[in-house]
Protein backbone atom coordinates (compact mmCIF):
# COMPACT_ATOMS: atom_id res chain seq x y z
CA UNK A 1 -164.66 -34.08 269.34
CA UNK A 2 -166.72 -31.81 267.06
CA UNK A 3 -164.12 -29.06 267.43
CA UNK A 4 -161.32 -31.42 266.33
CA UNK A 5 -163.34 -32.42 263.28
CA UNK A 6 -163.76 -28.76 262.30
CA UNK A 7 -160.01 -28.26 262.72
CA UNK A 8 -159.20 -31.23 260.46
CA UNK A 9 -161.55 -29.99 257.73
CA UNK A 10 -160.02 -26.56 258.24
CA UNK A 11 -156.54 -27.97 257.59
CA UNK A 12 -157.79 -29.62 254.41
CA UNK A 13 -159.20 -26.29 253.26
CA UNK A 14 -155.99 -24.50 254.26
CA UNK A 15 -153.83 -26.66 251.99
CA UNK A 16 -156.50 -26.69 249.27
CA UNK A 17 -156.69 -22.91 249.25
CA UNK A 18 -152.93 -22.57 249.05
CA UNK A 19 -153.34 -24.55 245.84
CA UNK A 20 -156.28 -23.05 243.99
CA UNK A 21 -156.31 -19.56 245.48
CA UNK A 22 -152.60 -19.28 244.73
CA UNK A 23 -153.48 -20.10 241.14
CA UNK A 24 -156.54 -17.83 241.15
CA UNK A 25 -154.38 -14.83 242.06
CA UNK A 26 -152.66 -15.00 238.65
CA UNK A 27 -155.19 -16.63 236.31
CA UNK A 28 -156.43 -13.23 235.09
CA UNK A 29 -152.95 -11.99 234.03
CA UNK A 30 -152.12 -15.51 232.79
CA UNK A 31 -155.14 -15.54 230.47
CA UNK A 32 -154.22 -12.03 229.31
CA UNK A 33 -150.66 -13.21 228.63
CA UNK A 34 -152.06 -16.07 226.54
CA UNK A 35 -154.13 -13.62 224.49
CA UNK A 36 -157.58 -13.53 226.14
CA UNK A 37 -159.71 -10.34 226.27
CA UNK A 38 -161.48 -8.90 229.33
CA UNK A 39 -164.78 -10.26 228.02
CA UNK A 40 -163.18 -13.69 227.70
CA UNK A 41 -161.79 -13.51 231.26
CA UNK A 42 -165.22 -12.55 232.59
CA UNK A 43 -166.92 -15.27 230.56
CA UNK A 44 -164.45 -18.03 231.53
CA UNK A 45 -164.54 -17.14 235.22
CA UNK A 46 -168.30 -16.70 235.21
CA UNK A 47 -168.97 -19.90 233.28
CA UNK A 48 -166.65 -21.84 235.58
CA UNK A 49 -168.57 -20.55 238.59
CA UNK A 50 -171.93 -21.23 236.89
CA UNK A 51 -171.05 -24.81 236.00
CA UNK A 52 -169.44 -25.38 239.36
CA UNK A 53 -172.33 -24.02 241.38
CA UNK A 54 -175.00 -25.64 239.19
CA UNK A 55 -173.37 -29.04 239.63
CA UNK A 56 -173.54 -28.53 243.40
CA UNK A 57 -177.30 -28.94 243.12
CA UNK A 58 -176.77 -32.43 241.66
CA UNK A 59 -173.91 -33.26 244.01
CA UNK A 60 -175.90 -32.18 247.07
CA UNK A 61 -178.92 -34.22 246.01
CA UNK A 62 -176.77 -37.31 245.41
CA UNK A 63 -175.01 -36.93 248.75
CA UNK A 64 -178.34 -36.87 250.62
CA UNK A 65 -179.70 -39.84 248.67
CA UNK A 66 -176.60 -42.04 248.90
CA UNK A 67 -175.24 -40.77 252.26
CA UNK A 68 -171.76 -41.23 250.74
CA UNK A 69 -170.57 -37.86 251.96
CA UNK A 70 -166.94 -38.88 252.36
CA UNK A 71 -166.60 -40.59 248.98
CA UNK A 72 -168.10 -37.63 247.12
CA UNK A 73 -165.95 -35.17 249.06
CA UNK A 74 -162.71 -37.06 248.35
CA UNK A 75 -163.43 -37.44 244.62
CA UNK A 76 -164.24 -33.74 244.40
CA UNK A 77 -161.03 -32.66 246.12
CA UNK A 78 -158.89 -34.83 243.82
CA UNK A 79 -160.41 -33.28 240.67
CA UNK A 80 -160.42 -29.81 242.22
CA UNK A 81 -156.78 -29.80 243.27
CA UNK A 82 -154.94 -31.73 240.59
CA UNK A 83 -156.30 -29.50 237.80
CA UNK A 84 -154.29 -26.58 239.21
CA UNK A 85 -150.67 -27.73 238.66
CA UNK A 86 -151.69 -28.90 235.18
CA UNK A 87 -152.06 -25.21 234.26
CA UNK A 88 -148.28 -25.20 234.03
CA UNK A 89 -148.66 -27.26 230.84
CA UNK A 90 -151.19 -24.95 229.16
CA UNK A 91 -149.84 -23.25 226.05
CA UNK A 92 -153.09 -21.60 224.91
CA UNK A 93 -155.77 -19.68 226.76
CA UNK A 94 -158.37 -22.22 225.65
CA UNK A 95 -156.49 -25.04 227.44
CA UNK A 96 -156.02 -22.90 230.53
CA UNK A 97 -159.74 -22.09 230.47
CA UNK A 98 -160.69 -25.79 230.37
CA UNK A 99 -158.44 -26.52 233.36
CA UNK A 100 -159.84 -23.56 235.30
CA UNK A 101 -163.37 -24.85 234.66
CA UNK A 102 -162.31 -28.40 235.64
CA UNK A 103 -161.02 -27.06 238.94
CA UNK A 104 -164.42 -25.45 239.57
CA UNK A 105 -166.18 -28.72 238.71
CA UNK A 106 -164.12 -30.56 241.32
CA UNK A 107 -165.04 -27.95 243.90
CA UNK A 108 -168.69 -28.35 242.91
CA UNK A 109 -168.57 -32.10 243.52
CA UNK A 110 -167.16 -31.88 247.02
CA UNK A 111 -168.59 -28.67 248.53
CA UNK A 112 -172.20 -29.67 249.44
CA UNK A 113 -171.04 -32.92 251.09
CA UNK A 114 -168.22 -31.14 252.90
CA UNK A 115 -170.51 -28.35 254.13
CA UNK A 116 -173.15 -30.85 255.25
CA UNK A 117 -170.55 -32.73 257.32
CA UNK A 118 -169.26 -29.44 258.71
CA UNK A 119 -172.78 -28.37 259.68
CA UNK A 120 -173.18 -31.48 261.84
CA UNK A 121 -170.19 -30.48 263.94
CA UNK A 122 -171.11 -26.79 264.22
CA UNK A 123 -174.31 -27.62 266.08
CA UNK A 124 -172.20 -28.22 269.20
CA UNK A 125 -169.79 -25.31 268.96
CA UNK A 126 -172.05 -22.67 267.34
CA UNK A 127 -172.96 -22.29 263.66
CA UNK A 128 -171.22 -18.97 263.20
CA UNK A 129 -168.18 -19.95 265.24
CA UNK A 130 -167.76 -23.28 263.44
CA UNK A 131 -168.16 -21.95 259.90
CA UNK A 132 -166.18 -18.83 260.81
CA UNK A 133 -163.26 -20.87 262.18
CA UNK A 134 -163.30 -23.12 259.12
CA UNK A 135 -163.33 -20.12 256.78
CA UNK A 136 -160.53 -18.43 258.77
CA UNK A 137 -158.28 -21.49 258.33
CA UNK A 138 -159.40 -21.70 254.71
CA UNK A 139 -158.35 -18.11 254.11
CA UNK A 140 -155.00 -18.49 255.85
CA UNK A 141 -154.25 -20.91 253.04
CA UNK A 142 -155.76 -18.46 250.55
CA UNK A 143 -153.34 -15.82 251.85
CA UNK A 144 -150.28 -18.10 251.79
CA UNK A 145 -150.97 -19.36 248.26
CA UNK A 146 -150.70 -15.98 246.53
CA UNK A 147 -147.60 -15.14 248.60
CA UNK A 148 -145.94 -18.35 247.44
CA UNK A 149 -146.89 -17.54 243.86
CA UNK A 150 -145.60 -13.95 244.26
CA UNK A 151 -142.27 -15.29 245.59
CA UNK A 152 -141.92 -17.66 242.65
CA UNK A 153 -142.74 -14.88 240.20
CA UNK A 154 -140.20 -12.61 241.88
CA UNK A 155 -137.46 -15.24 241.79
CA UNK A 156 -138.24 -16.98 238.50
CA UNK A 157 -140.57 -14.58 236.70
CA UNK A 158 -142.44 -17.58 235.25
CA UNK A 159 -146.17 -18.26 235.55
CA UNK A 160 -145.79 -21.93 234.63
CA UNK A 161 -143.37 -22.64 237.49
CA UNK A 162 -145.76 -20.84 239.84
CA UNK A 163 -148.52 -23.28 238.93
CA UNK A 164 -146.21 -26.31 239.15
CA UNK A 165 -145.11 -25.67 242.76
CA UNK A 166 -148.75 -25.82 243.87
CA UNK A 167 -148.72 -29.60 243.44
CA UNK A 168 -147.23 -30.05 246.95
CA UNK A 169 -150.05 -28.37 248.95
CA UNK A 170 -152.57 -30.19 246.73
CA UNK A 171 -151.15 -33.56 247.81
CA UNK A 172 -151.02 -32.49 251.47
CA UNK A 173 -154.72 -31.55 251.39
CA UNK A 174 -155.67 -34.96 250.04
CA UNK A 175 -153.59 -36.76 252.72
CA UNK A 176 -155.20 -34.80 255.59
CA UNK A 177 -158.65 -35.44 254.09
CA UNK A 178 -158.07 -39.19 254.11
CA UNK A 179 -156.89 -39.01 257.73
CA UNK A 180 -160.06 -37.10 258.69
CA UNK A 181 -162.19 -39.72 256.95
CA UNK A 182 -160.73 -42.56 258.98
CA UNK A 183 -160.86 -40.68 262.28
CA UNK A 184 -164.47 -39.54 261.79
CA UNK A 185 -166.19 -42.05 259.49
CA UNK A 186 -169.71 -40.91 260.61
CA UNK A 187 -169.67 -37.11 261.08
CA UNK A 188 -173.48 -37.05 261.16
CA UNK A 189 -173.29 -38.53 264.67
CA UNK A 190 -171.75 -35.24 265.86
CA UNK A 191 -175.16 -33.54 265.66
CA UNK A 192 -177.15 -35.09 268.45
CA UNK A 193 -180.34 -33.03 268.09
CA UNK A 194 -181.99 -32.68 264.69
CA UNK A 195 -183.94 -29.61 263.64
CA UNK A 196 -187.32 -30.94 262.44
CA UNK A 197 -189.34 -29.07 259.84
CA UNK A 198 -193.15 -29.11 259.86
CA UNK A 199 -193.19 -29.47 256.06
CA UNK A 200 -191.38 -31.76 253.68
CA UNK A 201 -190.47 -28.71 251.57
CA UNK A 202 -187.79 -26.14 252.27
CA UNK A 203 -189.12 -23.25 254.40
CA UNK A 204 -190.11 -19.97 252.73
CA UNK A 205 -187.34 -18.12 254.56
CA UNK A 206 -184.76 -20.33 252.82
CA UNK A 207 -185.89 -19.08 249.39
CA UNK A 208 -185.86 -15.44 250.52
CA UNK A 209 -182.36 -15.99 251.84
CA UNK A 210 -181.31 -17.48 248.50
CA UNK A 211 -182.65 -14.43 246.63
CA UNK A 212 -180.73 -12.05 248.91
CA UNK A 213 -177.42 -13.87 248.56
CA UNK A 214 -177.89 -14.21 244.79
CA UNK A 215 -178.07 -10.43 244.39
CA UNK A 216 -174.82 -10.11 246.33
CA UNK A 217 -173.23 -12.71 244.04
CA UNK A 218 -174.45 -10.97 240.87
CA UNK A 219 -172.80 -7.70 241.84
CA UNK A 220 -169.56 -9.06 243.24
CA UNK A 221 -166.61 -8.68 240.86
CA UNK A 222 -164.44 -11.78 240.67
CA UNK A 223 -160.73 -11.29 241.38
CA UNK A 224 -159.47 -12.38 237.92
CA UNK A 225 -161.26 -9.37 236.38
CA UNK A 226 -159.84 -7.12 239.10
CA UNK A 227 -156.36 -8.51 238.38
CA UNK A 228 -156.96 -8.01 234.67
CA UNK A 229 -157.77 -4.35 235.39
CA UNK A 230 -154.59 -3.96 237.45
CA UNK A 231 -152.45 -5.35 234.64
CA UNK A 232 -154.17 -3.45 231.84
CA UNK A 233 -153.94 -0.07 233.60
CA UNK A 234 -150.53 -0.76 235.19
CA UNK A 235 -151.93 0.46 238.53
CA UNK A 236 -150.43 -2.63 240.18
CA UNK A 237 -147.38 -4.52 238.89
CA UNK A 238 -147.39 -8.25 238.14
CA UNK A 239 -145.44 -9.02 241.32
CA UNK A 240 -147.85 -7.01 243.48
CA UNK A 241 -151.08 -8.54 242.12
CA UNK A 242 -150.79 -11.81 244.10
CA UNK A 243 -149.75 -9.79 247.16
CA UNK A 244 -152.95 -7.76 246.86
CA UNK A 245 -154.86 -11.02 246.68
CA UNK A 246 -153.01 -12.34 249.73
CA UNK A 247 -154.02 -9.18 251.61
CA UNK A 248 -157.65 -9.77 250.65
CA UNK A 249 -157.46 -13.36 251.88
CA UNK A 250 -155.91 -12.25 255.18
CA UNK A 251 -158.73 -9.75 255.70
CA UNK A 252 -161.18 -12.47 254.66
CA UNK A 253 -159.84 -14.78 257.40
CA UNK A 254 -160.09 -12.13 260.12
CA UNK A 255 -163.54 -11.02 258.96
CA UNK A 256 -164.85 -14.59 258.82
CA UNK A 257 -163.69 -15.33 262.36
CA UNK A 258 -165.12 -12.07 263.75
CA UNK A 259 -168.38 -12.30 261.78
CA UNK A 260 -168.81 -15.92 262.88
CA UNK A 261 -168.53 -14.90 266.52
CA UNK A 262 -171.00 -12.03 266.05
CA UNK A 263 -173.42 -14.09 263.95
CA UNK A 264 -174.13 -16.46 266.85
CA UNK A 265 -175.17 -13.39 268.88
CA UNK A 266 -176.65 -10.92 266.40
CA UNK A 267 -177.83 -13.10 263.51
CA UNK A 268 -178.66 -11.65 260.09
CA UNK A 269 -177.83 -8.07 261.15
CA UNK A 270 -174.16 -9.01 260.81
CA UNK A 271 -174.69 -10.00 257.16
CA UNK A 272 -176.41 -6.67 256.45
CA UNK A 273 -173.48 -4.79 257.98
CA UNK A 274 -170.96 -6.81 255.94
CA UNK A 275 -172.77 -6.09 252.65
CA UNK A 276 -173.07 -2.35 253.36
CA UNK A 277 -169.37 -2.18 254.20
CA UNK A 278 -167.98 -4.23 251.33
CA UNK A 279 -170.12 -2.66 248.58
CA UNK A 280 -167.68 0.27 248.36
CA UNK A 281 -164.85 -1.92 247.07
CA UNK A 282 -165.89 -1.56 243.42
CA UNK A 283 -165.46 2.23 243.01
CA UNK A 284 -162.26 2.17 245.05
CA UNK A 285 -160.71 -0.59 242.92
CA UNK A 286 -161.86 0.50 239.46
CA UNK A 287 -161.88 4.30 239.77
CA UNK A 288 -159.00 5.02 242.13
CA UNK A 289 -155.22 4.99 242.43
CA UNK A 290 -152.83 2.45 243.97
CA UNK A 291 -153.78 3.26 247.57
CA UNK A 292 -157.52 3.33 246.98
CA UNK A 293 -157.13 -0.04 245.24
CA UNK A 294 -155.41 -1.30 248.37
CA UNK A 295 -158.33 -0.18 250.54
CA UNK A 296 -160.82 -1.54 248.02
CA UNK A 297 -159.16 -4.96 248.04
CA UNK A 298 -159.41 -5.01 251.85
CA UNK A 299 -163.16 -4.31 251.61
CA UNK A 300 -163.43 -6.99 248.92
CA UNK A 301 -161.88 -9.43 251.40
CA UNK A 302 -164.40 -8.44 254.07
CA UNK A 303 -167.27 -9.24 251.71
CA UNK A 304 -165.76 -12.58 250.73
CA UNK A 305 -165.27 -13.45 254.41
CA UNK A 306 -168.98 -12.91 255.01
CA UNK A 307 -170.06 -14.86 251.93
CA UNK A 308 -167.90 -17.87 252.72
CA UNK A 309 -168.69 -18.12 256.45
CA UNK A 310 -171.85 -16.65 257.93
CA UNK A 311 -173.86 -16.90 254.70
CA UNK A 312 -173.16 -20.65 254.75
CA UNK A 313 -173.84 -20.83 258.49
CA UNK A 314 -177.31 -19.36 257.99
CA UNK A 315 -178.40 -22.40 255.92
CA UNK A 316 -177.67 -24.88 258.71
CA UNK A 317 -180.22 -23.24 261.01
CA UNK A 318 -182.99 -23.25 258.39
CA UNK A 319 -182.96 -26.81 257.04
CA UNK A 320 -183.34 -30.28 258.57
CA UNK A 321 -180.31 -32.57 258.86
CA UNK A 322 -181.40 -35.04 256.17
CA UNK A 323 -181.91 -32.23 253.63
CA UNK A 324 -178.75 -30.32 254.43
CA UNK A 325 -176.74 -31.57 251.44
CA UNK A 326 -179.56 -30.73 249.02
CA UNK A 327 -180.04 -27.33 250.65
CA UNK A 328 -176.39 -26.43 250.20
CA UNK A 329 -176.57 -27.70 246.64
CA UNK A 330 -179.60 -25.54 245.79
CA UNK A 331 -178.15 -22.57 247.62
CA UNK A 332 -174.84 -22.79 245.76
CA UNK A 333 -176.53 -23.42 242.40
CA UNK A 334 -178.58 -20.23 242.70
CA UNK A 335 -175.58 -18.30 243.97
CA UNK A 336 -173.47 -19.59 241.09
CA UNK A 337 -176.01 -18.77 238.40
CA UNK A 338 -176.15 -15.15 239.49
CA UNK A 339 -172.37 -15.06 239.91
CA UNK A 340 -172.04 -16.19 236.28
CA UNK A 341 -174.66 -13.73 235.06
CA UNK A 342 -173.01 -10.88 236.92
CA UNK A 343 -169.46 -11.84 235.90
CA UNK A 344 -170.45 -12.10 232.25
CA UNK A 345 -172.17 -8.70 232.29
CA UNK A 346 -169.34 -7.00 234.19
CA UNK A 347 -166.75 -8.37 231.77
CA UNK A 348 -168.75 -6.80 228.91
CA UNK A 349 -169.30 -3.59 230.89
CA UNK A 350 -165.57 -3.31 231.56
CA UNK A 351 -164.82 -3.34 227.82
CA UNK A 352 -167.46 -0.59 227.37
CA UNK A 353 -166.88 1.58 230.46
CA UNK A 354 -165.66 0.99 234.02
CA UNK A 355 -168.27 3.50 235.21
CA UNK A 356 -171.08 1.25 233.99
CA UNK A 357 -169.42 -1.70 235.74
CA UNK A 358 -169.17 0.21 239.03
CA UNK A 359 -172.79 1.40 238.96
CA UNK A 360 -174.06 -2.09 238.18
CA UNK A 361 -171.97 -3.72 240.93
CA UNK A 362 -173.01 -1.30 243.68
CA UNK A 363 -176.69 -1.15 242.73
CA UNK A 364 -177.21 -4.91 242.47
CA UNK A 365 -175.55 -5.63 245.81
CA UNK A 366 -177.68 -3.00 247.55
CA UNK A 367 -180.87 -4.65 246.24
CA UNK A 368 -180.10 -7.58 248.60
CA UNK A 369 -180.50 -5.44 251.74
CA UNK A 370 -184.36 -5.38 251.90
CA UNK A 371 -184.42 -9.19 251.62
CA UNK A 372 -181.90 -9.59 254.44
CA UNK A 373 -184.01 -7.21 256.54
CA UNK A 374 -187.07 -9.42 255.91
CA UNK A 375 -185.08 -12.44 257.15
CA UNK A 376 -183.85 -10.56 260.21
CA UNK A 377 -187.37 -9.42 261.09
CA UNK A 378 -188.68 -12.97 260.64
CA UNK A 379 -186.02 -14.30 263.03
CA UNK A 380 -186.77 -11.58 265.58
CA UNK A 381 -190.49 -12.43 265.43
CA UNK A 382 -189.73 -16.11 266.15
CA UNK A 383 -187.67 -15.16 269.18
CA UNK A 384 -190.53 -13.04 270.59
CA UNK A 385 -193.09 -15.86 270.31
């Protein structure tokens, strides 16, 4: 029963990612086409993530207080998905920017409630396996979306049509979500045994974990800036940019599934390995040629697979059931703030020098490693007691 619930939420995410990840693969070049600078792209993407992740703190708190997980999730998906096809009507970069930020707001509304419901089901099937499977299905959609967009661009050569065709998967995601709601009206019942904390506050290890993940977020270059770089340097053609993104999403799906399996057995060590591996994407993408960019994008996908699966799974094992929505809200708010800060700085650094951008990205991500080691050692100590 829990497994079927994870599959249904996975299908929702699959169709949703076809929609907004398909759009995300071309928003950088689209903003450039409408006259935006690299700094503007970094600022818009970063601010969208900041607002989106900050609102997750409020959304998570409200979901725990009201227990209206389904209602909040459905409202969020509607706002999140319907903003995407409206990009087809944008005639100025300012309008496109507002719609991109609106899409992030919708995602902010629904994510803590969705993740809390998902965490209830993963107790039965394994935290890493459950979140990894969900992320794998999510990223299958994220791979298909850019391919659909690339096909439309190849046939029509029109960004606006590319955004318009994404209305269909958006509607399919909402339909499957409603079906899941009626089949599983009380997903909290899927977690039979609650993890009880000795304190009413979040444990210290949760805050250390948040610091570690925030450093990763601050140094991780968002794809719109990568796509902007591809277009500006002509390293990758317009038609190939969404294909590169599709490749990253395919790698993301495989990495999430594999990391999820390993996380249930090896714990935080898997996160450390993922960070050390993916950190090399920045010099490969920004300092190399077409083929090094291809390898760099694959490593970028590995890092995203870890961030979207096992880094979320780690929260479920640290926090009590009744605080899970708030925990995901706080976690995502902190992550989003540092994502915004990093994106804003790296947009400015790109206009100054790509070498400064690369050094900043690599150094900040590596700072997270000692914190992850502290978490791993703490978990090992608990197992020995």
